[in-house]
Protein backbone atom coordinates (compact mmCIF):
# COMPACT_ATOMS: atom_id res chain seq x y z
CA MET A 1 -23.11 24.37 6.39
CA ASN A 2 -25.79 23.65 9.46
CA THR A 3 -24.80 21.10 12.12
CA HIS A 4 -26.71 18.57 14.17
CA THR A 5 -26.48 17.29 17.43
CA PRO A 6 -24.62 13.71 16.09
CA GLY A 7 -25.71 10.34 16.10
CA PRO A 8 -26.50 8.23 16.39
CA TRP A 9 -29.63 8.83 17.93
CA HIS A 10 -32.01 6.46 20.02
CA CYS A 11 -35.65 6.24 20.39
CA THR A 12 -36.70 5.08 23.98
CA ASP A 13 -39.98 3.54 24.43
CA ASP A 14 -41.18 6.71 25.64
CA LEU A 15 -40.53 8.15 21.95
CA VAL A 16 -37.98 10.19 23.18
CA ILE A 17 -35.08 10.50 20.87
CA GLU A 18 -31.45 10.89 22.73
CA THR A 19 -27.93 10.30 22.16
CA PRO A 20 -24.81 9.97 23.98
CA ILE A 21 -23.08 13.31 24.38
CA GLU A 22 -19.20 13.49 26.12
CA ASP A 23 -18.52 16.62 28.01
CA GLY A 24 -15.26 16.95 27.13
CA ASN A 25 -13.84 15.62 30.74
CA GLY A 26 -14.93 11.95 29.59
CA ARG A 27 -18.12 11.79 31.23
CA VAL A 28 -21.00 11.23 28.80
CA ALA A 29 -24.63 11.71 29.36
CA LEU A 30 -27.77 11.00 27.01
CA VAL A 31 -28.69 14.51 25.41
CA THR A 32 -32.62 14.41 24.41
CA VAL A 33 -33.15 15.65 20.40
CA ALA A 34 -36.47 15.11 20.44
CA LYS A 35 -39.89 13.81 22.00
CA VAL A 36 -42.81 12.74 19.98
CA ALA A 37 -45.64 13.90 21.73
CA ARG A 38 -48.58 13.86 19.58
CA GLY A 39 -49.01 11.79 16.29
CA GLY A 40 -51.96 9.52 16.97
CA PRO A 41 -51.46 5.96 15.65
CA HIS A 42 -48.55 6.77 14.01
CA ARG A 43 -45.80 8.20 16.92
CA VAL A 44 -43.86 5.08 17.32
CA ASP A 45 -43.11 4.88 13.24
CA ASN A 46 -42.32 8.97 12.96
CA ALA A 47 -40.18 8.66 16.47
CA ARG A 48 -38.50 5.86 14.80
CA LEU A 49 -37.97 8.24 11.44
CA ILE A 50 -36.78 11.11 13.67
CA ALA A 51 -33.89 8.30 14.94
CA ALA A 52 -32.95 7.38 12.11
CA ALA A 53 -32.26 10.69 10.60
CA PRO A 54 -28.34 11.63 10.84
CA ASP A 55 -27.95 7.67 9.70
CA LEU A 56 -30.37 8.33 6.84
CA LEU A 57 -28.64 11.55 5.76
CA ALA A 58 -25.36 10.15 6.13
CA ALA A 59 -26.61 7.50 3.74
CA LEU A 60 -27.59 10.19 0.99
CA GLU A 61 -23.98 12.12 1.64
CA GLN A 62 -22.37 8.64 0.78
CA ILE A 63 -24.28 8.00 -1.99
CA GLU A 64 -23.93 10.89 -3.93
CA THR A 65 -20.85 11.46 -3.29
CA ALA A 66 -19.79 7.69 -4.74
CA TRP A 67 -22.29 8.71 -7.81
CA ASP A 68 -20.58 11.65 -8.76
CA SER A 69 -17.61 10.26 -8.57
CA ILE A 70 -18.53 7.39 -11.37
CA PRO A 71 -16.96 8.13 -14.64
CA GLU A 72 -19.63 8.85 -17.22
CA CYS A 73 -20.23 5.21 -19.18
CA ASP A 74 -22.91 3.47 -20.31
CA GLN A 75 -22.38 0.10 -17.80
CA VAL A 76 -24.57 2.55 -15.51
CA PRO A 77 -27.75 0.42 -14.63
CA GLU A 78 -30.59 2.62 -16.67
CA GLN A 79 -32.13 3.33 -13.40
CA LEU A 80 -29.39 5.15 -11.66
CA ASN A 81 -29.49 7.65 -15.13
CA ASP A 82 -33.36 8.46 -13.95
CA ASN A 83 -31.85 12.42 -13.03
CA SER A 84 -35.82 12.92 -10.67
CA MET A 85 -34.23 10.26 -8.47
CA TRP A 86 -31.41 12.28 -7.87
CA ASP A 87 -32.88 15.38 -7.94
CA GLU A 88 -34.78 14.05 -4.95
CA ILE A 89 -31.59 13.40 -2.70
CA ARG A 90 -29.87 15.92 -3.36
CA ALA A 91 -33.35 17.98 -2.09
CA ALA A 92 -33.61 16.08 0.72
CA ILE A 93 -29.75 16.04 1.64
CA ALA A 94 -30.15 20.02 1.17
CA LYS A 95 -33.20 20.10 3.10
CA ALA A 96 -31.85 18.19 6.49
CA LYS A 97 -28.95 20.57 6.06
CA GLY A 98 -31.31 24.12 5.95
CA GLU A 99 -30.53 24.59 2.68
CA ARG A 100 -33.81 25.08 0.85
């Protein structure tokens, strides 16, 4: 499994995505994860999306785990039985982890 810089990530006004990291001696420093340098009118939205990436991945993993633990029954809402939706969720998780 690939790892990434742990979240939470935050987006600054300068569109730098950063996170606080402890150095092991009790000191915390802000580490730059990414900077959105280009993107025209979408720069701010792109930066916000990048900053949300660890949270989005964690949420999708929780959804996948919860879904996989539900016993098969016919009480599950029909839209949750859409295999293409689950394929997309699993593909997004795999992409985020570098597995595809």
